[in-house]
PDB file of N, CA and C in Angstrom:
ATOM      1  N   MET A   1       0.851  -1.161   0.000  1.00  0.00           N
ATOM      2  CA  MET A   1       0.000   0.000   0.000  1.00  0.00           C
ATOM      3  C   MET A   1       0.903   1.232   0.000  1.00  0.00           C
ATOM      4  N   ASN A   2       0.670   2.095  -0.966  1.00  0.00           N
ATOM      5  CA  ASN A   2       1.488   3.306  -1.020  1.00  0.00           C
ATOM      6  C   ASN A   2       0.880   4.417  -0.153  1.00  0.00           C
ATOM      7  N   SER A   3       1.596   5.506  -0.028  1.00  0.00           N
ATOM      8  CA  SER A   3       1.171   6.570   0.885  1.00  0.00           C
ATOM      9  C   SER A   3      -0.099   7.276   0.407  1.00  0.00           C
ATOM     10  N   LYS A   4      -0.334   7.313  -0.894  1.00  0.00           N
ATOM     11  CA  LYS A   4      -1.532   7.985  -1.403  1.00  0.00           C
ATOM     12  C   LYS A   4      -2.801   7.213  -0.997  1.00  0.00           C
ATOM     13  N   ILE A   5      -2.775   5.905  -1.152  1.00  0.00           N
ATOM     14  CA  ILE A   5      -3.928   5.089  -0.766  1.00  0.00           C
ATOM     15  C   ILE A   5      -4.109   5.116   0.749  1.00  0.00           C
ATOM     16  N   TYR A   6      -3.002   5.063   1.484  1.00  0.00           N
ATOM     17  CA  TYR A   6      -3.073   5.095   2.947  1.00  0.00           C
ATOM     18  C   TYR A   6      -3.722   6.385   3.435  1.00  0.00           C
ATOM     19  N   SER A   7      -3.332   7.516   2.873  1.00  0.00           N
ATOM     20  CA  SER A   7      -3.906   8.786   3.326  1.00  0.00           C
ATOM     21  C   SER A   7      -5.383   8.886   2.945  1.00  0.00           C
ATOM     22  N   LEU A   8      -5.787   8.300   1.820  1.00  0.00           N
ATOM     23  CA  LEU A   8      -7.202   8.287   1.438  1.00  0.00           C
ATOM     24  C   LEU A   8      -8.016   7.447   2.407  1.00  0.00           C
ATOM     25  N   VAL A   9      -7.532   6.257   2.725  1.00  0.00           N
ATOM     26  CA  VAL A   9      -8.253   5.372   3.640  1.00  0.00           C
ATOM     27  C   VAL A   9      -8.324   5.977   5.039  1.00  0.00           C
ATOM     28  N   ALA A  10      -7.200   6.491   5.528  1.00  0.00           N
ATOM     29  CA  ALA A  10      -7.183   7.078   6.870  1.00  0.00           C
ATOM     30  C   ALA A  10      -8.077   8.313   6.946  1.00  0.00           C
ATOM     31  N   GLY A  11      -8.006   9.177   5.943  1.00  0.00           N
ATOM     32  CA  GLY A  11      -8.857  10.370   5.935  1.00  0.00           C
ATOM     33  C   GLY A  11     -10.328  10.029   5.883  1.00  0.00           C
ATOM     34  N   SER A  12     -10.678   9.011   5.113  1.00  0.00           N
ATOM     35  CA  SER A  12     -12.080   8.598   5.018  1.00  0.00           C
ATOM     36  C   SER A  12     -12.580   8.002   6.329  1.00  0.00           C
ATOM     37  N   LEU A  13     -11.758   7.166   6.959  1.00  0.00           N
ATOM     38  CA  LEU A  13     -12.170   6.572   8.233  1.00  0.00           C
ATOM     39  C   LEU A  13     -12.325   7.624   9.331  1.00  0.00           C
ATOM     40  N   PHE A  14     -11.386   8.553   9.388  1.00  0.00           N
ATOM     41  CA  PHE A  14     -11.522   9.624  10.378  1.00  0.00           C
ATOM     42  C   PHE A  14     -12.750  10.486  10.084  1.00  0.00           C
ATOM     43  N   GLY A  15     -13.079  10.661   8.813  1.00  0.00           N
ATOM     44  CA  GLY A  15     -14.288  11.399   8.457  1.00  0.00           C
ATOM     45  C   GLY A  15     -15.543  10.695   8.942  1.00  0.00           C
ATOM     46  N   LEU A  16     -15.582   9.375   8.820  1.00  0.00           N
ATOM     47  CA  LEU A  16     -16.736   8.616   9.312  1.00  0.00           C
ATOM     48  C   LEU A  16     -16.867   8.702  10.828  1.00  0.00           C
ATOM     49  N   VAL A  17     -15.739   8.631  11.521  1.00  0.00           N
ATOM     50  CA  VAL A  17     -15.770   8.754  12.982  1.00  0.00           C
ATOM     51  C   VAL A  17     -16.225  10.155  13.387  1.00  0.00           C
ATOM     52  N   CYS A  18     -15.780  11.164  12.653  1.00  0.00           N
ATOM     53  CA  CYS A  18     -16.208  12.537  12.931  1.00  0.00           C
ATOM     54  C   CYS A  18     -17.720  12.668  12.748  1.00  0.00           C
ATOM     55  N   LEU A  19     -18.246  12.076  11.690  1.00  0.00           N
ATOM     56  CA  LEU A  19     -19.696  12.110  11.475  1.00  0.00           C
ATOM     57  C   LEU A  19     -20.453  11.400  12.595  1.00  0.00           C
ATOM     58  N   MET A  20     -19.881  10.324  13.126  1.00  0.00           N
ATOM     59  CA  MET A  20     -20.518   9.630  14.235  1.00  0.00           C
ATOM     60  C   MET A  20     -20.583  10.527  15.471  1.00  0.00           C
ATOM     61  N   TYR A  21     -19.473  11.209  15.772  1.00  0.00           N
ATOM     62  CA  TYR A  21     -19.482  12.124  16.917  1.00  0.00           C
ATOM     63  C   TYR A  21     -20.453  13.281  16.700  1.00  0.00           C
ATOM     64  N   LEU A  22     -20.502  13.814  15.497  1.00  0.00           N
ATOM     65  CA  LEU A  22     -21.432  14.909  15.220  1.00  0.00           C
ATOM     66  C   LEU A  22     -22.881  14.454  15.326  1.00  0.00           C
ATOM     67  N   SER A  23     -23.166  13.227  14.916  1.00  0.00           N
ATOM     68  CA  SER A  23     -24.542  12.736  15.020  1.00  0.00           C
ATOM     69  C   SER A  23     -24.962  12.563  16.477  1.00  0.00           C
ATOM     70  N   THR A  24     -24.019  12.196  17.354  1.00  0.00           N
ATOM     71  CA  THR A  24     -24.381  12.093  18.766  1.00  0.00           C
ATOM     72  C   THR A  24     -24.574  13.472  19.388  1.00  0.00           C
ATOM     73  N   LEU A  25     -23.876  14.466  18.858  1.00  0.00           N
ATOM     74  CA  LEU A  25     -24.059  15.822  19.385  1.00  0.00           C
ATOM     75  C   LEU A  25     -25.388  16.416  18.944  1.00  0.00           C
ATOM     76  N   LEU A  26     -25.771  16.177  17.704  1.00  0.00           N
ATOM     77  CA  LEU A  26     -27.001  16.759  17.181  1.00  0.00           C
ATOM     78  C   LEU A  26     -28.243  15.997  17.632  1.00  0.00           C
ATOM     79  N   GLY A  27     -28.127  14.702  17.802  1.00  0.00           N
ATOM     80  CA  GLY A  27     -29.253  13.892  18.255  1.00  0.00           C
ATOM     81  C   GLY A  27     -29.227  13.738  19.761  1.00  0.00           C
ATOM     82  N   SER A  28     -30.079  12.866  20.234  1.00  0.00           N
ATOM     83  CA  SER A  28     -30.136  12.616  21.681  1.00  0.00           C
ATOM     84  C   SER A  28     -29.395  11.330  22.036  1.00  0.00           C
ATOM     85  N   ASN A  29     -28.501  10.884  21.167  1.00  0.00           N
ATOM     86  CA  ASN A  29     -27.727   9.673  21.423  1.00  0.00           C
ATOM     87  C   ASN A  29     -26.574   9.974  22.374  1.00  0.00           C
ATOM     88  N   THR A  30     -26.129   8.940  23.058  1.00  0.00           N
ATOM     89  CA  THR A  30     -24.985   9.074  23.950  1.00  0.00           C
ATOM     90  C   THR A  30     -23.955   8.003  23.601  1.00  0.00           C
ATOM     91  N   ILE A  31     -22.735   8.202  24.044  1.00  0.00           N
ATOM     92  CA  ILE A  31     -21.670   7.224  23.878  1.00  0.00           C
ATOM     93  C   ILE A  31     -21.261   6.767  25.271  1.00  0.00           C
ATOM     94  N   SER A  32     -21.320   5.455  25.479  1.00  0.00           N
ATOM     95  CA  SER A  32     -20.927   4.890  26.763  1.00  0.00           C
ATOM     96  C   SER A  32     -19.699   4.029  26.574  1.00  0.00           C
ATOM     97  N   VAL A  33     -18.725   4.232  27.454  1.00  0.00           N
ATOM     98  CA  VAL A  33     -17.518   3.428  27.443  1.00  0.00           C
ATOM     99  C   VAL A  33     -17.385   2.801  28.818  1.00  0.00           C
ATOM    100  N   GLY A  34     -17.559   1.504  28.884  1.00  0.00           N
ATOM    101  CA  GLY A  34     -17.453   0.807  30.165  1.00  0.00           C
ATOM    102  C   GLY A  34     -18.472   1.269  31.186  1.00  0.00           C
ATOM    103  N   GLY A  35     -19.666   1.604  30.754  1.00  0.00           N
ATOM    104  CA  GLY A  35     -20.707   2.068  31.658  1.00  0.00           C
ATOM    105  C   GLY A  35     -20.620   3.545  31.997  1.00  0.00           C
ATOM    106  N   TYR A  36     -19.618   4.236  31.504  1.00  0.00           N
ATOM    107  CA  TYR A  36     -19.433   5.662  31.751  1.00  0.00           C
ATOM    108  C   TYR A  36     -19.854   6.431  30.510  1.00  0.00           C
ATOM    109  N   GLU A  37     -20.762   7.374  30.677  1.00  0.00           N
ATOM    110  CA  GLU A  37     -21.238   8.171  29.548  1.00  0.00           C
ATOM    111  C   GLU A  37     -20.302   9.353  29.310  1.00  0.00           C
ATOM    112  N   LEU A  38     -19.849   9.490  28.056  1.00  0.00           N
ATOM    113  CA  LEU A  38     -18.952  10.594  27.718  1.00  0.00           C
ATOM    114  C   LEU A  38     -19.704  11.922  27.761  1.00  0.00           C
ATOM    115  N   PRO A  39     -19.154  12.920  28.436  1.00  0.00           N
ATOM    116  CA  PRO A  39     -19.803  14.227  28.465  1.00  0.00           C
ATOM    117  C   PRO A  39     -19.743  14.906  27.092  1.00  0.00           C
ATOM    118  N   GLN A  40     -20.597  15.889  26.914  1.00  0.00           N
ATOM    119  CA  GLN A  40     -20.686  16.581  25.632  1.00  0.00           C
ATOM    120  C   GLN A  40     -19.379  17.289  25.287  1.00  0.00           C
ATOM    121  N   SER A  41     -18.677  17.814  26.268  1.00  0.00           N
ATOM    122  CA  SER A  41     -17.419  18.514  25.983  1.00  0.00           C
ATOM    123  C   SER A  41     -16.374  17.568  25.393  1.00  0.00           C
ATOM    124  N   VAL A  42     -16.331  16.330  25.853  1.00  0.00           N
ATOM    125  CA  VAL A  42     -15.391  15.350  25.310  1.00  0.00           C
ATOM    126  C   VAL A  42     -15.776  15.004  23.875  1.00  0.00           C
ATOM    127  N   ARG A  43     -17.068  14.897  23.613  1.00  0.00           N
ATOM    128  CA  ARG A  43     -17.514  14.578  22.256  1.00  0.00           C
ATOM    129  C   ARG A  43     -17.232  15.727  21.295  1.00  0.00           C
ATOM    130  N   ILE A  44     -17.307  16.960  21.760  1.00  0.00           N
ATOM    131  CA  ILE A  44     -16.989  18.112  20.904  1.00  0.00           C
ATOM    132  C   ILE A  44     -15.506  18.099  20.555  1.00  0.00           C
ATOM    133  N   ILE A  45     -14.657  17.868  21.547  1.00  0.00           N
ATOM    134  CA  ILE A  45     -13.214  17.812  21.305  1.00  0.00           C
ATOM    135  C   ILE A  45     -12.877  16.657  20.368  1.00  0.00           C
ATOM    136  N   ALA A  46     -13.500  15.506  20.572  1.00  0.00           N
ATOM    137  CA  ALA A  46     -13.243  14.351  19.713  1.00  0.00           C
ATOM    138  C   ALA A  46     -13.694  14.628  18.281  1.00  0.00           C
ATOM    139  N   ALA A  47     -14.819  15.311  18.100  1.00  0.00           N
ATOM    140  CA  ALA A  47     -15.292  15.645  16.757  1.00  0.00           C
ATOM    141  C   ALA A  47     -14.338  16.615  16.070  1.00  0.00           C
ATOM    142  N   LEU A  48     -13.829  17.585  16.805  1.00  0.00           N
ATOM    143  CA  LEU A  48     -12.873  18.526  16.225  1.00  0.00           C
ATOM    144  C   LEU A  48     -11.572  17.839  15.832  1.00  0.00           C
ATOM    145  N   LEU A  49     -11.075  16.984  16.699  1.00  0.00           N
ATOM    146  CA  LEU A  49      -9.811  16.289  16.408  1.00  0.00           C
ATOM    147  C   LEU A  49      -9.940  15.337  15.224  1.00  0.00           C
ATOM    148  N   THR A  50     -11.001  14.544  15.200  1.00  0.00           N
ATOM    149  CA  THR A  50     -11.166  13.613  14.085  1.00  0.00           C
ATOM    150  C   THR A  50     -11.472  14.350  12.790  1.00  0.00           C
ATOM    151  N   GLY A  51     -12.157  15.471  12.870  1.00  0.00           N
ATOM    152  CA  GLY A  51     -12.393  16.280  11.672  1.00  0.00           C
ATOM    153  C   GLY A  51     -11.101  16.843  11.120  1.00  0.00           C
ATOM    154  N   PHE A  52     -10.230  17.303  11.999  1.00  0.00           N
ATOM    155  CA  PHE A  52      -8.931  17.818  11.557  1.00  0.00           C
ATOM    156  C   PHE A  52      -8.077  16.710  10.958  1.00  0.00           C
ATOM    157  N   MET A  53      -8.082  15.541  11.579  1.00  0.00           N
ATOM    158  CA  MET A  53      -7.304  14.423  11.060  1.00  0.00           C
ATOM    159  C   MET A  53      -7.841  13.948   9.706  1.00  0.00           C
ATOM    160  N   SER A  54      -9.151  13.982   9.529  1.00  0.00           N
ATOM    161  CA  SER A  54      -9.741  13.634   8.239  1.00  0.00           C
ATOM    162  C   SER A  54      -9.340  14.645   7.174  1.00  0.00           C
ATOM    163  N   PHE A  55      -9.424  15.917   7.516  1.00  0.00           N
ATOM    164  CA  PHE A  55      -9.035  16.977   6.577  1.00  0.00           C
ATOM    165  C   PHE A  55      -7.569  16.843   6.181  1.00  0.00           C
ATOM    166  N   SER A  56      -6.714  16.575   7.156  1.00  0.00           N
ATOM    167  CA  SER A  56      -5.281  16.443   6.872  1.00  0.00           C
ATOM    168  C   SER A  56      -4.994  15.239   5.981  1.00  0.00           C
ATOM    169  N   GLY A  57      -5.636  14.117   6.261  1.00  0.00           N
ATOM    170  CA  GLY A  57      -5.420  12.928   5.452  1.00  0.00           C
ATOM    171  C   GLY A  57      -5.897  13.097   4.023  1.00  0.00           C
ATOM    172  N   LEU A  58      -7.066  13.707   3.863  1.00  0.00           N
ATOM    173  CA  LEU A  58      -7.577  13.920   2.504  1.00  0.00           C
ATOM    174  C   LEU A  58      -6.780  14.988   1.759  1.00  0.00           C
ATOM    175  N   ARG A  59      -6.240  15.963   2.474  1.00  0.00           N
ATOM    176  CA  ARG A  59      -5.395  16.958   1.829  1.00  0.00           C
ATOM    177  C   ARG A  59      -4.088  16.343   1.351  1.00  0.00           C
ATOM    178  N   LEU A  60      -3.529  15.423   2.159  1.00  0.00           N
ATOM    179  CA  LEU A  60      -2.318  14.715   1.711  1.00  0.00           C
ATOM    180  C   LEU A  60      -2.616  13.861   0.487  1.00  0.00           C
ATOM    181  N   PHE A  61      -3.821  13.280   0.445  1.00  0.00           N
ATOM    182  CA  PHE A  61      -4.196  12.470  -0.711  1.00  0.00           C
ATOM    183  C   PHE A  61      -4.230  13.303  -1.991  1.00  0.00           C
ATOM    184  N   THR A  62      -4.757  14.513  -1.908  1.00  0.00           N
ATOM    185  CA  THR A  62      -4.857  15.340  -3.106  1.00  0.00           C
ATOM    186  C   THR A  62      -3.503  15.918  -3.526  1.00  0.00           C
ATOM    187  N   LYS A  63      -2.578  16.114  -2.559  1.00  0.00           N
ATOM    188  CA  LYS A  63      -1.270  16.682  -2.890  1.00  0.00           C
ATOM    189  C   LYS A  63      -0.288  15.639  -3.408  1.00  0.00           C
ATOM    190  N   SER A  64      -0.506  14.370  -3.072  1.00  0.00           N
ATOM    191  CA  SER A  64       0.451  13.322  -3.487  1.00  0.00           C
ATOM    192  C   SER A  64       0.302  12.990  -4.949  1.00  0.00           C
TER     193      SER A  64
END
């Protein structure tokens, strides 16, 4: 697997995870890890981080 395909796959997966976090923020869904519900502030930070990682991966894909 070359770096162009890797950055496309990684950017797409991070984009899907970002969409999952955004859907929990917009809807009334929650994320539980080991019986502990993640607070909204953690989900906002996670959505921002995964969105940035998706953007970076897809930008590397277009530049390669």
